[in-house]
Amino acid sequence: MPGFRGTATSSDRYDNTHAKLRAAAFAALPEWSQCARCAHNGRRHLIYKWATVKPDRRGVVKSALHYDHKDSNKGYIGFSDADCNRNDGSSKGGRARARKHGPWRGQRRPPPSLPSW
């Protein structure tokens, strides 16, 4: 498995069972498959099993696939492209932030109403 070293096993959120589940799912993954996150959102996007991302600062080459959680965080939906998974999390986080704090700075707001004299 490319680049599984140091990913998701050093976190408090995951123990050894996550790494074992991911390794078993990766072994069963076909060479080309559909991105689970895109399929979950109604789109079609093919992913390559052995795809990697650019090396990080330490020169470690990691897999471009994430073992993606369900939105409820109870179980997994399968492997998804790293960009698709991060974009989905980013948009969910942005919506949650906007619900709590209001729109971003620079986002259009309704014009102020003029006082009636």
C-alpha atoms as a PDB file:
ATOM      1  CA  MET A   1       0.000   0.000   0.000  1.00  0.00           C
ATOM      2  CA  PRO A   2       1.558   3.293  -1.005  1.00  0.00           C
ATOM      3  CA  GLY A   3       2.120   5.831   1.711  1.00  0.00           C
ATOM      4  CA  PHE A   4       0.001   4.341   4.475  1.00  0.00           C
ATOM      5  CA  ARG A   5       2.870   4.802   6.882  1.00  0.00           C
ATOM      6  CA  GLY A   6       2.067   7.476   9.445  1.00  0.00           C
ATOM      7  CA  THR A   7      -1.390   8.233   8.088  1.00  0.00           C
ATOM      8  CA  ALA A   8      -4.341   8.065  10.435  1.00  0.00           C
ATOM      9  CA  THR A   9      -2.600   5.644  12.795  1.00  0.00           C
ATOM     10  CA  SER A  10      -0.829   8.261  14.893  1.00  0.00           C
ATOM     11  CA  SER A  11      -4.052  10.100  15.738  1.00  0.00           C
ATOM     12  CA  ASP A  12      -6.017   9.597  18.927  1.00  0.00           C
ATOM     13  CA  ARG A  13      -9.115   9.153  16.797  1.00  0.00           C
ATOM     14  CA  TYR A  14      -7.876   5.917  15.227  1.00  0.00           C
ATOM     15  CA  ASP A  15      -6.339   2.824  16.668  1.00  0.00           C
ATOM     16  CA  ASN A  16      -4.864  -0.220  14.962  1.00  0.00           C
ATOM     17  CA  THR A  17      -8.290  -1.456  13.817  1.00  0.00           C
ATOM     18  CA  HIS A  18      -8.646   1.491  11.414  1.00  0.00           C
ATOM     19  CA  ALA A  19      -5.317   0.658   9.774  1.00  0.00           C
ATOM     20  CA  LYS A  20      -6.297  -3.011   9.467  1.00  0.00           C
ATOM     21  CA  LEU A  21      -9.706  -2.163   7.973  1.00  0.00           C
ATOM     22  CA  ARG A  22      -8.098   0.228   5.496  1.00  0.00           C
ATOM     23  CA  ALA A  23      -5.457  -2.325   4.470  1.00  0.00           C
ATOM     24  CA  ALA A  24      -8.105  -5.020   3.922  1.00  0.00           C
ATOM     25  CA  ALA A  25     -10.308  -2.637   1.913  1.00  0.00           C
ATOM     26  CA  PHE A  26      -7.301  -1.499  -0.146  1.00  0.00           C
ATOM     27  CA  ALA A  27      -6.412  -5.106  -0.981  1.00  0.00           C
ATOM     28  CA  ALA A  28      -9.956  -5.682  -2.276  1.00  0.00           C
ATOM     29  CA  LEU A  29     -10.001  -2.415  -4.260  1.00  0.00           C
ATOM     30  CA  PRO A  30      -9.877  -2.914  -8.058  1.00  0.00           C
ATOM     31  CA  GLU A  31      -7.219  -1.141 -10.152  1.00  0.00           C
ATOM     32  CA  TRP A  32      -9.754   1.479 -11.325  1.00  0.00           C
ATOM     33  CA  SER A  33     -12.865   2.277  -9.322  1.00  0.00           C
ATOM     34  CA  GLN A  34     -15.346   5.036  -8.741  1.00  0.00           C
ATOM     35  CA  CYS A  35     -14.620   7.702  -6.122  1.00  0.00           C
ATOM     36  CA  ALA A  36     -16.877   6.910  -3.162  1.00  0.00           C
ATOM     37  CA  ARG A  37     -17.382  10.586  -2.222  1.00  0.00           C
ATOM     38  CA  CYS A  38     -18.396  11.550  -5.759  1.00  0.00           C
ATOM     39  CA  ALA A  39     -20.714   8.550  -6.051  1.00  0.00           C
ATOM     40  CA  HIS A  40     -22.189   9.491  -2.658  1.00  0.00           C
ATOM     41  CA  ASN A  41     -22.914  12.985  -4.020  1.00  0.00           C
ATOM     42  CA  GLY A  42     -24.325  11.725  -7.336  1.00  0.00           C
ATOM     43  CA  ARG A  43     -21.299  12.326  -9.593  1.00  0.00           C
ATOM     44  CA  ARG A  44     -19.024   9.938 -11.482  1.00  0.00           C
ATOM     45  CA  HIS A  45     -15.271  10.181 -10.969  1.00  0.00           C
ATOM     46  CA  LEU A  46     -12.805   7.330 -11.539  1.00  0.00           C
ATOM     47  CA  ILE A  47      -9.802   6.868  -9.254  1.00  0.00           C
ATOM     48  CA  TYR A  48      -6.617   4.845  -9.782  1.00  0.00           C
ATOM     49  CA  LYS A  49      -5.587   2.493  -6.983  1.00  0.00           C
ATOM     50  CA  TRP A  50      -1.878   3.317  -7.096  1.00  0.00           C
ATOM     51  CA  ALA A  51      -2.190   7.113  -7.467  1.00  0.00           C
ATOM     52  CA  THR A  52       0.105   9.173  -5.238  1.00  0.00           C
ATOM     53  CA  VAL A  53       0.395  12.830  -4.345  1.00  0.00           C
ATOM     54  CA  LYS A  54       3.519  14.998  -4.465  1.00  0.00           C
ATOM     55  CA  PRO A  55       6.033  14.259  -1.695  1.00  0.00           C
ATOM     56  CA  ASP A  56       5.637  16.325   1.454  1.00  0.00           C
ATOM     57  CA  ARG A  57       8.426  18.337   3.151  1.00  0.00           C
ATOM     58  CA  ARG A  58      10.037  15.176   4.498  1.00  0.00           C
ATOM     59  CA  GLY A  59       9.939  13.484   1.093  1.00  0.00           C
ATOM     60  CA  VAL A  60       7.206  11.000   2.046  1.00  0.00           C
ATOM     61  CA  VAL A  61       5.012  10.032  -0.892  1.00  0.00           C
ATOM     62  CA  LYS A  62       1.459   9.286   0.238  1.00  0.00           C
ATOM     63  CA  SER A  63      -1.523   7.674  -1.391  1.00  0.00           C
ATOM     64  CA  ALA A  64      -3.956   9.970  -3.185  1.00  0.00           C
ATOM     65  CA  LEU A  65      -6.830   7.915  -1.767  1.00  0.00           C
ATOM     66  CA  HIS A  66      -8.604   8.533   1.516  1.00  0.00           C
ATOM     67  CA  TYR A  67     -10.603   5.863   3.323  1.00  0.00           C
ATOM     68  CA  ASP A  68     -13.669   8.051   3.565  1.00  0.00           C
ATOM     69  CA  HIS A  69     -16.088   8.153   6.511  1.00  0.00           C
ATOM     70  CA  LYS A  70     -19.839   8.297   6.265  1.00  0.00           C
ATOM     71  CA  ASP A  71     -21.261  11.732   7.033  1.00  0.00           C
ATOM     72  CA  SER A  72     -22.515  10.359  10.353  1.00  0.00           C
ATOM     73  CA  ASN A  73     -18.912   9.304  11.183  1.00  0.00           C
ATOM     74  CA  LYS A  74     -20.138   5.765  11.864  1.00  0.00           C
ATOM     75  CA  GLY A  75     -18.361   3.518   9.375  1.00  0.00           C
ATOM     76  CA  TYR A  76     -16.896   4.094   5.937  1.00  0.00           C
ATOM     77  CA  ILE A  77     -18.254   4.699   2.442  1.00  0.00           C
ATOM     78  CA  GLY A  78     -15.075   3.500   0.716  1.00  0.00           C
ATOM     79  CA  PHE A  79     -12.036   5.046  -0.933  1.00  0.00           C
ATOM     80  CA  SER A  80     -12.298   8.527  -2.362  1.00  0.00           C
ATOM     81  CA  ASP A  81      -9.907  10.894  -4.068  1.00  0.00           C
ATOM     82  CA  ALA A  82      -8.045  13.039  -1.528  1.00  0.00           C
ATOM     83  CA  ASP A  83      -9.144  16.282  -3.204  1.00  0.00           C
ATOM     84  CA  CYS A  84     -12.811  15.238  -3.316  1.00  0.00           C
ATOM     85  CA  ASN A  85     -12.751  14.271   0.353  1.00  0.00           C
ATOM     86  CA  ARG A  86     -11.038  17.488   1.467  1.00  0.00           C
ATOM     87  CA  ASN A  87     -13.299  19.676  -0.678  1.00  0.00           C
ATOM     88  CA  ASP A  88     -16.382  18.046   0.786  1.00  0.00           C
ATOM     89  CA  GLY A  89     -15.126  18.570   4.337  1.00  0.00           C
ATOM     90  CA  SER A  90     -14.175  22.149   3.565  1.00  0.00           C
ATOM     91  CA  SER A  91     -17.605  23.004   2.189  1.00  0.00           C
ATOM     92  CA  LYS A  92     -19.330  21.392   5.187  1.00  0.00           C
ATOM     93  CA  GLY A  93     -17.077  23.295   7.575  1.00  0.00           C
ATOM     94  CA  GLY A  94     -17.718  26.547   5.731  1.00  0.00           C
ATOM     95  CA  ARG A  95     -21.472  26.070   5.914  1.00  0.00           C
ATOM     96  CA  ALA A  96     -21.271  25.260   9.628  1.00  0.00           C
ATOM     97  CA  ARG A  97     -19.177  28.367  10.223  1.00  0.00           C
ATOM     98  CA  ALA A  98     -21.610  30.549   8.253  1.00  0.00           C
ATOM     99  CA  ARG A  99     -24.547  29.213  10.281  1.00  0.00           C
ATOM    100  CA  LYS A 100     -22.758  30.126  13.494  1.00  0.00           C
ATOM    101  CA  HIS A 101     -21.035  33.428  12.610  1.00  0.00           C
ATOM    102  CA  GLY A 102     -22.844  34.752   9.550  1.00  0.00           C
ATOM    103  CA  PRO A 103     -21.510  35.253   6.021  1.00  0.00           C
ATOM    104  CA  TRP A 104     -17.824  35.694   5.155  1.00  0.00           C
ATOM    105  CA  ARG A 105     -16.338  39.150   4.911  1.00  0.00           C
ATOM    106  CA  GLY A 106     -16.579  40.301   1.343  1.00  0.00           C
ATOM    107  CA  GLN A 107     -19.703  38.308   0.700  1.00  0.00           C
ATOM    108  CA  ARG A 108     -22.587  40.367  -0.593  1.00  0.00           C
ATOM    109  CA  ARG A 109     -25.152  41.463   1.934  1.00  0.00           C
ATOM    110  CA  PRO A 110     -28.427  43.180   1.212  1.00  0.00           C
ATOM    111  CA  PRO A 111     -28.026  46.945   0.826  1.00  0.00           C
ATOM    112  CA  PRO A 112     -29.002  48.973   3.870  1.00  0.00           C
ATOM    113  CA  SER A 113     -32.446  50.474   3.762  1.00  0.00           C
ATOM    114  CA  LEU A 114     -32.666  54.242   3.505  1.00  0.00           C
ATOM    115  CA  PRO A 115     -34.398  56.078   6.322  1.00  0.00           C
ATOM    116  CA  SER A 116     -37.829  57.388   5.514  1.00  0.00           C
ATOM    117  CA  TRP A 117     -37.865  61.141   6.257  1.00  0.00           C
END
